[in-house]
Amino acid sequence: DAIHPGFGFLSENADFAEMVERHGITFIGPTAEQMRLMGDK
């Protein structure tokens, strides 16, 4: 019922976080929107 991405790999991939939530699973981290906001320097 939840996915923890750790660090590296998909941990800061907003598209992945969005896909996870779309499938009814909780992404353990910030929202995809927050990732996009702070992910672009």
ModelCIF file with pLDDT and N, C-alpha, C, O atoms, coordinates in Angstrom:
data_MODEL
#
_entry.id   MODEL 
#
_entity.id                         1 
_entity.type                       polymer 
_entity.pdbx_number_of_molecules   1 
#
_entity_poly.entity_id                      1 
_entity_poly.type                           'polypeptide(L)' 
_entity_poly.nstd_linkage                   no 
_entity_poly.nstd_monomer                   no 
_entity_poly.pdbx_seq_one_letter_code       DAIHPGFGFLSENADFAEMVERHGITFIGPTAEQMRLMGDK 
_entity_poly.pdbx_seq_one_letter_code_can   DAIHPGFGFLSENADFAEMVERHGITFIGPTAEQMRLMGDK 
_entity_poly.pdbx_strand_id                 A 
#
loop_
_entity_poly_seq.entity_id 
_entity_poly_seq.num 
_entity_poly_seq.mon_id 
_entity_poly_seq.hetero 
1 1  ASP n 
1 2  ALA n 
1 3  ILE n 
1 4  HIS n 
1 5  PRO n 
1 6  GLY n 
1 7  PHE n 
1 8  GLY n 
1 9  PHE n 
1 10 LEU n 
1 11 SER n 
1 12 GLU n 
1 13 ASN n 
1 14 ALA n 
1 15 ASP n 
1 16 PHE n 
1 17 ALA n 
1 18 GLU n 
1 19 MET n 
1 20 VAL n 
1 21 GLU n 
1 22 ARG n 
1 23 HIS n 
1 24 GLY n 
1 25 ILE n 
1 26 THR n 
1 27 PHE n 
1 28 ILE n 
1 29 GLY n 
1 30 PRO n 
1 31 THR n 
1 32 ALA n 
1 33 GLU n 
1 34 GLN n 
1 35 MET n 
1 36 ARG n 
1 37 LEU n 
1 38 MET n 
1 39 GLY n 
1 40 ASP n 
1 41 LYS n 
#
_struct_asym.id          A 
_struct_asym.entity_id   1 
#
loop_
_ma_qa_metric.id 
_ma_qa_metric.mode 
_ma_qa_metric.name 
_ma_qa_metric.software_group_id 
_ma_qa_metric.type 
1 global pLDDT . pLDDT 
2 local  pLDDT . pLDDT 
#
_ma_qa_metric_global.metric_id      1 
_ma_qa_metric_global.metric_value   95.85 
_ma_qa_metric_global.model_id       1 
_ma_qa_metric_global.ordinal_id     1 
#
loop_
_ma_qa_metric_local.label_asym_id 
_ma_qa_metric_local.label_comp_id 
_ma_qa_metric_local.label_seq_id 
_ma_qa_metric_local.metric_id 
_ma_qa_metric_local.metric_value 
_ma_qa_metric_local.model_id 
_ma_qa_metric_local.ordinal_id 
A ASP 1  2 97.00 1 1  
A ALA 2  2 98.00 1 2  
A ILE 3  2 98.00 1 3  
A HIS 4  2 98.00 1 4  
A PRO 5  2 98.00 1 5  
A GLY 6  2 98.00 1 6  
A PHE 7  2 97.00 1 7  
A GLY 8  2 93.00 1 8  
A PHE 9  2 96.00 1 9  
A LEU 10 2 97.00 1 10 
A SER 11 2 97.00 1 11 
A GLU 12 2 94.00 1 12 
A ASN 13 2 95.00 1 13 
A ALA 14 2 96.00 1 14 
A ASP 15 2 97.00 1 15 
A PHE 16 2 98.00 1 16 
A ALA 17 2 98.00 1 17 
A GLU 18 2 98.00 1 18 
A MET 19 2 98.00 1 19 
A VAL 20 2 98.00 1 20 
A GLU 21 2 97.00 1 21 
A ARG 22 2 98.00 1 22 
A HIS 23 2 98.00 1 23 
A GLY 24 2 98.00 1 24 
A ILE 25 2 98.00 1 25 
A THR 26 2 98.00 1 26 
A PHE 27 2 98.00 1 27 
A ILE 28 2 98.00 1 28 
A GLY 29 2 98.00 1 29 
A PRO 30 2 98.00 1 30 
A THR 31 2 97.00 1 31 
A ALA 32 2 97.00 1 32 
A GLU 33 2 96.00 1 33 
A GLN 34 2 96.00 1 34 
A MET 35 2 95.00 1 35 
A ARG 36 2 94.00 1 36 
A LEU 37 2 92.00 1 37 
A MET 38 2 92.00 1 38 
A GLY 39 2 85.00 1 39 
A ASP 40 2 85.00 1 40 
A LYS 41 2 83.00 1 41 
#
loop_
_atom_site.group_PDB 
_atom_site.id 
_atom_site.type_symbol 
_atom_site.label_atom_id 
_atom_site.label_alt_id 
_atom_site.label_comp_id 
_atom_site.label_asym_id 
_atom_site.label_entity_id 
_atom_site.label_seq_id 
_atom_site.pdbx_PDB_ins_code 
_atom_site.Cartn_x 
_atom_site.Cartn_y 
_atom_site.Cartn_z 
_atom_site.occupancy 
_atom_site.B_iso_or_equiv 
_atom_site.pdbx_formal_charge 
_atom_site.auth_seq_id 
_atom_site.auth_comp_id 
_atom_site.auth_asym_id 
_atom_site.auth_atom_id 
_atom_site.pdbx_PDB_model_num 
ATOM 1   N N  . ASP A 1 1  ? 0.806  -1.223 0.000   1.00 97.00 ? 1  ASP A N  1 
ATOM 2   C CA . ASP A 1 1  ? 0.000  0.000  0.000   1.00 97.00 ? 1  ASP A CA 1 
ATOM 3   C C  . ASP A 1 1  ? 0.837  1.270  0.000   1.00 97.00 ? 1  ASP A C  1 
ATOM 4   O O  . ASP A 1 1  ? 0.291  2.373  0.017   1.00 97.00 ? 1  ASP A O  1 
ATOM 5   N N  . ALA A 1 2  ? 2.174  1.124  -0.019  1.00 98.00 ? 2  ALA A N  1 
ATOM 6   C CA . ALA A 1 2  ? 3.046  2.291  -0.118  1.00 98.00 ? 2  ALA A CA 1 
ATOM 7   C C  . ALA A 1 2  ? 4.376  1.885  -0.740  1.00 98.00 ? 2  ALA A C  1 
ATOM 8   O O  . ALA A 1 2  ? 4.776  0.723  -0.673  1.00 98.00 ? 2  ALA A O  1 
ATOM 9   N N  . ILE A 1 3  ? 5.056  2.857  -1.344  1.00 98.00 ? 3  ILE A N  1 
ATOM 10  C CA . ILE A 1 3  ? 6.378  2.634  -1.941  1.00 98.00 ? 3  ILE A CA 1 
ATOM 11  C C  . ILE A 1 3  ? 7.343  3.658  -1.378  1.00 98.00 ? 3  ILE A C  1 
ATOM 12  O O  . ILE A 1 3  ? 7.072  4.858  -1.412  1.00 98.00 ? 3  ILE A O  1 
ATOM 13  N N  . HIS A 1 4  ? 8.480  3.184  -0.855  1.00 98.00 ? 4  HIS A N  1 
ATOM 14  C CA . HIS A 1 4  ? 9.552  4.091  -0.411  1.00 98.00 ? 4  HIS A CA 1 
ATOM 15  C C  . HIS A 1 4  ? 10.658 4.031  -1.459  1.00 98.00 ? 4  HIS A C  1 
ATOM 16  O O  . HIS A 1 4  ? 11.175 2.949  -1.737  1.00 98.00 ? 4  HIS A O  1 
ATOM 17  N N  . PRO A 1 5  ? 11.041 5.185  -2.057  1.00 98.00 ? 5  PRO A N  1 
ATOM 18  C CA . PRO A 1 5  ? 12.026 5.171  -3.139  1.00 98.00 ? 5  PRO A CA 1 
ATOM 19  C C  . PRO A 1 5  ? 13.483 5.271  -2.693  1.00 98.00 ? 5  PRO A C  1 
ATOM 20  O O  . PRO A 1 5  ? 14.382 5.162  -3.527  1.00 98.00 ? 5  PRO A O  1 
ATOM 21  N N  . GLY A 1 6  ? 13.747 5.480  -1.375  1.00 98.00 ? 6  GLY A N  1 
ATOM 22  C CA . GLY A 1 6  ? 15.135 5.622  -0.922  1.00 98.00 ? 6  GLY A CA 1 
ATOM 23  C C  . GLY A 1 6  ? 15.773 6.886  -1.468  1.00 98.00 ? 6  GLY A C  1 
ATOM 24  O O  . GLY A 1 6  ? 15.151 7.948  -1.475  1.00 98.00 ? 6  GLY A O  1 
ATOM 25  N N  . PHE A 1 7  ? 17.030 6.772  -1.930  1.00 97.00 ? 7  PHE A N  1 
ATOM 26  C CA . PHE A 1 7  ? 17.676 7.907  -2.601  1.00 97.00 ? 7  PHE A CA 1 
ATOM 27  C C  . PHE A 1 7  ? 18.276 7.421  -3.913  1.00 97.00 ? 7  PHE A C  1 
ATOM 28  O O  . PHE A 1 7  ? 18.521 6.226  -4.080  1.00 97.00 ? 7  PHE A O  1 
ATOM 29  N N  . GLY A 1 8  ? 18.517 8.345  -4.851  1.00 93.00 ? 8  GLY A N  1 
ATOM 30  C CA . GLY A 1 8  ? 18.961 7.947  -6.182  1.00 93.00 ? 8  GLY A CA 1 
ATOM 31  C C  . GLY A 1 8  ? 17.817 7.302  -6.948  1.00 93.00 ? 8  GLY A C  1 
ATOM 32  O O  . GLY A 1 8  ? 16.664 7.362  -6.521  1.00 93.00 ? 8  GLY A O  1 
ATOM 33  N N  . PHE A 1 9  ? 18.134 6.689  -8.073  1.00 96.00 ? 9  PHE A N  1 
ATOM 34  C CA . PHE A 1 9  ? 17.144 6.020  -8.919  1.00 96.00 ? 9  PHE A CA 1 
ATOM 35  C C  . PHE A 1 9  ? 15.899 6.902  -9.129  1.00 96.00 ? 9  PHE A C  1 
ATOM 36  O O  . PHE A 1 9  ? 16.008 7.977  -9.720  1.00 96.00 ? 9  PHE A O  1 
ATOM 37  N N  . LEU A 1 10 ? 14.712 6.465  -8.653  1.00 97.00 ? 10 LEU A N  1 
ATOM 38  C CA . LEU A 1 10 ? 13.469 7.188  -8.929  1.00 97.00 ? 10 LEU A CA 1 
ATOM 39  C C  . LEU A 1 10 ? 13.011 8.064  -7.767  1.00 97.00 ? 10 LEU A C  1 
ATOM 40  O O  . LEU A 1 10 ? 11.864 8.510  -7.740  1.00 97.00 ? 10 LEU A O  1 
ATOM 41  N N  . SER A 1 11 ? 13.899 8.310  -6.812  1.00 97.00 ? 11 SER A N  1 
ATOM 42  C CA . SER A 1 11 ? 13.490 9.003  -5.588  1.00 97.00 ? 11 SER A CA 1 
ATOM 43  C C  . SER A 1 11 ? 13.024 10.439 -5.824  1.00 97.00 ? 11 SER A C  1 
ATOM 44  O O  . SER A 1 11 ? 12.213 10.949 -5.051  1.00 97.00 ? 11 SER A O  1 
ATOM 45  N N  . GLU A 1 12 ? 13.520 11.105 -6.877  1.00 94.00 ? 12 GLU A N  1 
ATOM 46  C CA . GLU A 1 12 ? 13.097 12.471 -7.166  1.00 94.00 ? 12 GLU A CA 1 
ATOM 47  C C  . GLU A 1 12 ? 12.456 12.577 -8.542  1.00 94.00 ? 12 GLU A C  1 
ATOM 48  O O  . GLU A 1 12 ? 12.505 13.624 -9.189  1.00 94.00 ? 12 GLU A O  1 
ATOM 49  N N  . ASN A 1 13 ? 11.855 11.475 -8.976  1.00 95.00 ? 13 ASN A N  1 
ATOM 50  C CA . ASN A 1 13 ? 11.198 11.430 -10.276 1.00 95.00 ? 13 ASN A CA 1 
ATOM 51  C C  . ASN A 1 13 ? 9.717  11.711 -10.098 1.00 95.00 ? 13 ASN A C  1 
ATOM 52  O O  . ASN A 1 13 ? 8.965  10.848 -9.644  1.00 95.00 ? 13 ASN A O  1 
ATOM 53  N N  . ALA A 1 14 ? 9.301  12.910 -10.454 1.00 96.00 ? 14 ALA A N  1 
ATOM 54  C CA . ALA A 1 14 ? 7.912  13.330 -10.236 1.00 96.00 ? 14 ALA A CA 1 
ATOM 55  C C  . ALA A 1 14 ? 6.927  12.465 -11.017 1.00 96.00 ? 14 ALA A C  1 
ATOM 56  O O  . ALA A 1 14 ? 5.832  12.176 -10.535 1.00 96.00 ? 14 ALA A O  1 
ATOM 57  N N  . ASP A 1 15 ? 7.316  12.051 -12.222 1.00 97.00 ? 15 ASP A N  1 
ATOM 58  C CA . ASP A 1 15 ? 6.420  11.205 -13.026 1.00 97.00 ? 15 ASP A CA 1 
ATOM 59  C C  . ASP A 1 15 ? 6.161  9.876  -12.326 1.00 97.00 ? 15 ASP A C  1 
ATOM 60  O O  . ASP A 1 15 ? 5.042  9.365  -12.342 1.00 97.00 ? 15 ASP A O  1 
ATOM 61  N N  . PHE A 1 16 ? 7.204  9.321  -11.710 1.00 98.00 ? 16 PHE A N  1 
ATOM 62  C CA . PHE A 1 16 ? 7.046  8.062  -10.977 1.00 98.00 ? 16 PHE A CA 1 
ATOM 63  C C  . PHE A 1 16 ? 6.121  8.254  -9.770  1.00 98.00 ? 16 PHE A C  1 
ATOM 64  O O  . PHE A 1 16 ? 5.228  7.440  -9.539  1.00 98.00 ? 16 PHE A O  1 
ATOM 65  N N  . ALA A 1 17 ? 6.332  9.318  -9.008  1.00 98.00 ? 17 ALA A N  1 
ATOM 66  C CA . ALA A 1 17 ? 5.482  9.591  -7.840  1.00 98.00 ? 17 ALA A CA 1 
ATOM 67  C C  . ALA A 1 17 ? 4.019  9.720  -8.259  1.00 98.00 ? 17 ALA A C  1 
ATOM 68  O O  . ALA A 1 17 ? 3.117  9.251  -7.565  1.00 98.00 ? 17 ALA A O  1 
ATOM 69  N N  . GLU A 1 18 ? 3.804  10.357 -9.393  1.00 98.00 ? 18 GLU A N  1 
ATOM 70  C CA . GLU A 1 18 ? 2.448  10.543 -9.924  1.00 98.00 ? 18 GLU A CA 1 
ATOM 71  C C  . GLU A 1 18 ? 1.834  9.204  -10.330 1.00 98.00 ? 18 GLU A C  1 
ATOM 72  O O  . GLU A 1 18 ? 0.666  8.936  -10.045 1.00 98.00 ? 18 GLU A O  1 
ATOM 73  N N  . MET A 1 19 ? 2.631  8.367  -10.999 1.00 98.00 ? 19 MET A N  1 
ATOM 74  C CA . MET A 1 19 ? 2.164  7.035  -11.405 1.00 98.00 ? 19 MET A CA 1 
ATOM 75  C C  . MET A 1 19 ? 1.788  6.187  -10.199 1.00 98.00 ? 19 MET A C  1 
ATOM 76  O O  . MET A 1 19 ? 0.772  5.492  -10.209 1.00 98.00 ? 19 MET A O  1 
ATOM 77  N N  . VAL A 1 20 ? 2.614  6.251  -9.159  1.00 98.00 ? 20 VAL A N  1 
ATOM 78  C CA . VAL A 1 20 ? 2.363  5.490  -7.934  1.00 98.00 ? 20 VAL A CA 1 
ATOM 79  C C  . VAL A 1 20 ? 1.012  5.877  -7.344  1.00 98.00 ? 20 VAL A C  1 
ATOM 80  O O  . VAL A 1 20 ? 0.189  5.015  -7.036  1.00 98.00 ? 20 VAL A O  1 
ATOM 81  N N  . GLU A 1 21 ? 0.789  7.187  -7.188  1.00 97.00 ? 21 GLU A N  1 
ATOM 82  C CA . GLU A 1 21 ? -0.462 7.668  -6.597  1.00 97.00 ? 21 GLU A CA 1 
ATOM 83  C C  . GLU A 1 21 ? -1.668 7.339  -7.472  1.00 97.00 ? 21 GLU A C  1 
ATOM 84  O O  . GLU A 1 21 ? -2.751 7.055  -6.961  1.00 97.00 ? 21 GLU A O  1 
ATOM 85  N N  . ARG A 1 22 ? -1.478 7.379  -8.801  1.00 98.00 ? 22 ARG A N  1 
ATOM 86  C CA . ARG A 1 22 ? -2.577 7.062  -9.736  1.00 98.00 ? 22 ARG A CA 1 
ATOM 87  C C  . ARG A 1 22 ? -3.054 5.620  -9.593  1.00 98.00 ? 22 ARG A C  1 
ATOM 88  O O  . ARG A 1 22 ? -4.209 5.302  -9.876  1.00 98.00 ? 22 ARG A O  1 
ATOM 89  N N  . HIS A 1 23 ? -2.141 4.754  -9.149  1.00 98.00 ? 23 HIS A N  1 
ATOM 90  C CA . HIS A 1 23 ? -2.497 3.341  -8.981  1.00 98.00 ? 23 HIS A CA 1 
ATOM 91  C C  . HIS A 1 23 ? -2.995 3.040  -7.566  1.00 98.00 ? 23 HIS A C  1 
ATOM 92  O O  . HIS A 1 23 ? -3.100 1.877  -7.176  1.00 98.00 ? 23 HIS A O  1 
ATOM 93  N N  . GLY A 1 24 ? -3.297 4.080  -6.809  1.00 98.00 ? 24 GLY A N  1 
ATOM 94  C CA . GLY A 1 24 ? -3.870 3.883  -5.481  1.00 98.00 ? 24 GLY A CA 1 
ATOM 95  C C  . GLY A 1 24 ? -2.853 3.477  -4.428  1.00 98.00 ? 24 GLY A C  1 
ATOM 96  O O  . GLY A 1 24 ? -3.213 2.934  -3.383  1.00 98.00 ? 24 GLY A O  1 
ATOM 97  N N  . ILE A 1 25 ? -1.574 3.742  -4.705  1.00 98.00 ? 25 ILE A N  1 
ATOM 98  C CA . ILE A 1 25 ? -0.493 3.409  -3.767  1.00 98.00 ? 25 ILE A CA 1 
ATOM 99  C C  . ILE A 1 25 ? 0.098  4.724  -3.261  1.00 98.00 ? 25 ILE A C  1 
ATOM 100 O O  . ILE A 1 25 ? 0.196  5.692  -4.015  1.00 98.00 ? 25 ILE A O  1 
ATOM 101 N N  . THR A 1 26 ? 0.486  4.762  -1.999  1.00 98.00 ? 26 THR A N  1 
ATOM 102 C CA . THR A 1 26 ? 1.065  5.982  -1.435  1.00 98.00 ? 26 THR A CA 1 
ATOM 103 C C  . THR A 1 26 ? 2.557  6.060  -1.727  1.00 98.00 ? 26 THR A C  1 
ATOM 104 O O  . THR A 1 26 ? 3.294  5.097  -1.518  1.00 98.00 ? 26 THR A O  1 
ATOM 105 N N  . PHE A 1 27 ? 2.988  7.208  -2.207  1.00 98.00 ? 27 PHE A N  1 
ATOM 106 C CA . PHE A 1 27 ? 4.411  7.462  -2.428  1.00 98.00 ? 27 PHE A CA 1 
ATOM 107 C C  . PHE A 1 27 ? 4.972  8.095  -1.158  1.00 98.00 ? 27 PHE A C  1 
ATOM 108 O O  . PHE A 1 27 ? 4.485  9.136  -0.719  1.00 98.00 ? 27 PHE A O  1 
ATOM 109 N N  . ILE A 1 28 ? 5.990  7.476  -0.565  1.00 98.00 ? 28 ILE A N  1 
ATOM 110 C CA . ILE A 1 28 ? 6.567  7.986  0.678   1.00 98.00 ? 28 ILE A CA 1 
ATOM 111 C C  . ILE A 1 28 ? 7.598  9.069  0.330   1.00 98.00 ? 28 ILE A C  1 
ATOM 112 O O  . ILE A 1 28 ? 8.770  8.790  0.077   1.00 98.00 ? 28 ILE A O  1 
ATOM 113 N N  . GLY A 1 29 ? 7.118  10.287 0.328   1.00 98.00 ? 29 GLY A N  1 
ATOM 114 C CA . GLY A 1 29 ? 7.924  11.436 -0.081  1.00 98.00 ? 29 GLY A CA 1 
ATOM 115 C C  . GLY A 1 29 ? 6.999  12.605 -0.346  1.00 98.00 ? 29 GLY A C  1 
ATOM 116 O O  . GLY A 1 29 ? 5.806  12.518 -0.059  1.00 98.00 ? 29 GLY A O  1 
ATOM 117 N N  . PRO A 1 30 ? 7.517  13.694 -0.884  1.00 98.00 ? 30 PRO A N  1 
ATOM 118 C CA . PRO A 1 30 ? 6.669  14.840 -1.218  1.00 98.00 ? 30 PRO A CA 1 
ATOM 119 C C  . PRO A 1 30 ? 5.771  14.531 -2.409  1.00 98.00 ? 30 PRO A C  1 
ATOM 120 O O  . PRO A 1 30 ? 5.882  13.467 -3.018  1.00 98.00 ? 30 PRO A O  1 
ATOM 121 N N  . THR A 1 31 ? 4.887  15.459 -2.738  1.00 97.00 ? 31 THR A N  1 
ATOM 122 C CA . THR A 1 31 ? 4.019  15.260 -3.893  1.00 97.00 ? 31 THR A CA 1 
ATOM 123 C C  . THR A 1 31 ? 4.806  15.474 -5.178  1.00 97.00 ? 31 THR A C  1 
ATOM 124 O O  . THR A 1 31 ? 5.879  16.077 -5.168  1.00 97.00 ? 31 THR A O  1 
ATOM 125 N N  . ALA A 1 32 ? 4.265  14.978 -6.281  1.00 97.00 ? 32 ALA A N  1 
ATOM 126 C CA . ALA A 1 32 ? 4.896  15.157 -7.588  1.00 97.00 ? 32 ALA A CA 1 
ATOM 127 C C  . ALA A 1 32 ? 5.028  16.645 -7.912  1.00 97.00 ? 32 ALA A C  1 
ATOM 128 O O  . ALA A 1 32 ? 6.029  17.076 -8.484  1.00 97.00 ? 32 ALA A O  1 
ATOM 129 N N  . GLU A 1 33 ? 4.021  17.415 -7.547  1.00 96.00 ? 33 GLU A N  1 
ATOM 130 C CA . GLU A 1 33 ? 4.039  18.863 -7.807  1.00 96.00 ? 33 GLU A CA 1 
ATOM 131 C C  . GLU A 1 33 ? 5.190  19.535 -7.041  1.00 96.00 ? 33 GLU A C  1 
ATOM 132 O O  . GLU A 1 33 ? 5.888  20.392 -7.583  1.00 96.00 ? 33 GLU A O  1 
ATOM 133 N N  . GLN A 1 34 ? 5.375  19.135 -5.779  1.00 96.00 ? 34 GLN A N  1 
ATOM 134 C CA . GLN A 1 34 ? 6.456  19.705 -4.977  1.00 96.00 ? 34 GLN A CA 1 
ATOM 135 C C  . GLN A 1 34 ? 7.822  19.311 -5.529  1.00 96.00 ? 34 GLN A C  1 
ATOM 136 O O  . GLN A 1 34 ? 8.762  20.106 -5.519  1.00 96.00 ? 34 GLN A O  1 
ATOM 137 N N  . MET A 1 35 ? 7.918  18.073 -6.010  1.00 95.00 ? 35 MET A N  1 
ATOM 138 C CA . MET A 1 35 ? 9.170  17.614 -6.622  1.00 95.00 ? 35 MET A CA 1 
ATOM 139 C C  . MET A 1 35 ? 9.514  18.437 -7.850  1.00 95.00 ? 35 MET A C  1 
ATOM 140 O O  . MET A 1 35 ? 10.661 18.842 -8.038  1.00 95.00 ? 35 MET A O  1 
ATOM 141 N N  . ARG A 1 36 ? 8.518  18.680 -8.678  1.00 94.00 ? 36 ARG A N  1 
ATOM 142 C CA . ARG A 1 36 ? 8.762  19.463 -9.899  1.00 94.00 ? 36 ARG A CA 1 
ATOM 143 C C  . ARG A 1 36 ? 9.154  20.891 -9.537  1.00 94.00 ? 36 ARG A C  1 
ATOM 144 O O  . ARG A 1 36 ? 10.038 21.478 -10.160 1.00 94.00 ? 36 ARG A O  1 
ATOM 145 N N  . LEU A 1 37 ? 8.496  21.439 -8.535  1.00 92.00 ? 37 LEU A N  1 
ATOM 146 C CA . LEU A 1 37 ? 8.756  22.808 -8.114  1.00 92.00 ? 37 LEU A CA 1 
ATOM 147 C C  . LEU A 1 37 ? 10.202 22.976 -7.638  1.00 92.00 ? 37 LEU A C  1 
ATOM 148 O O  . LEU A 1 37 ? 10.886 23.923 -8.026  1.00 92.00 ? 37 LEU A O  1 
ATOM 149 N N  . MET A 1 38 ? 10.658 22.048 -6.792  1.00 92.00 ? 38 MET A N  1 
ATOM 150 C CA . MET A 1 38 ? 11.987 22.180 -6.197  1.00 92.00 ? 38 MET A CA 1 
ATOM 151 C C  . MET A 1 38 ? 13.057 21.385 -6.940  1.00 92.00 ? 38 MET A C  1 
ATOM 152 O O  . MET A 1 38 ? 14.246 21.556 -6.673  1.00 92.00 ? 38 MET A O  1 
ATOM 153 N N  . GLY A 1 39 ? 12.653 20.523 -7.862  1.00 85.00 ? 39 GLY A N  1 
ATOM 154 C CA . GLY A 1 39 ? 13.610 19.694 -8.596  1.00 85.00 ? 39 GLY A CA 1 
ATOM 155 C C  . GLY A 1 39 ? 14.345 20.448 -9.692  1.00 85.00 ? 39 GLY A C  1 
ATOM 156 O O  . GLY A 1 39 ? 15.479 20.110 -10.032 1.00 85.00 ? 39 GLY A O  1 
ATOM 157 N N  . ASP A 1 40 ? 13.706 21.460 -10.240 1.00 85.00 ? 40 ASP A N  1 
ATOM 158 C CA . ASP A 1 40 ? 14.361 22.308 -11.238 1.00 85.00 ? 40 ASP A CA 1 
ATOM 159 C C  . ASP A 1 40 ? 15.085 23.420 -10.485 1.00 85.00 ? 40 ASP A C  1 
ATOM 160 O O  . ASP A 1 40 ? 14.456 24.199 -9.769  1.00 85.00 ? 40 ASP A O  1 
ATOM 161 N N  . LYS A 1 41 ? 16.399 23.493 -10.644 1.00 83.00 ? 41 LYS A N  1 
ATOM 162 C CA . LYS A 1 41 ? 17.200 24.389 -9.811  1.00 83.00 ? 41 LYS A CA 1 
ATOM 163 C C  . LYS A 1 41 ? 16.860 25.873 -10.027 1.00 83.00 ? 41 LYS A C  1 
ATOM 164 O O  . LYS A 1 41 ? 17.457 26.742 -9.391  1.00 83.00 ? 41 LYS A O  1 
#
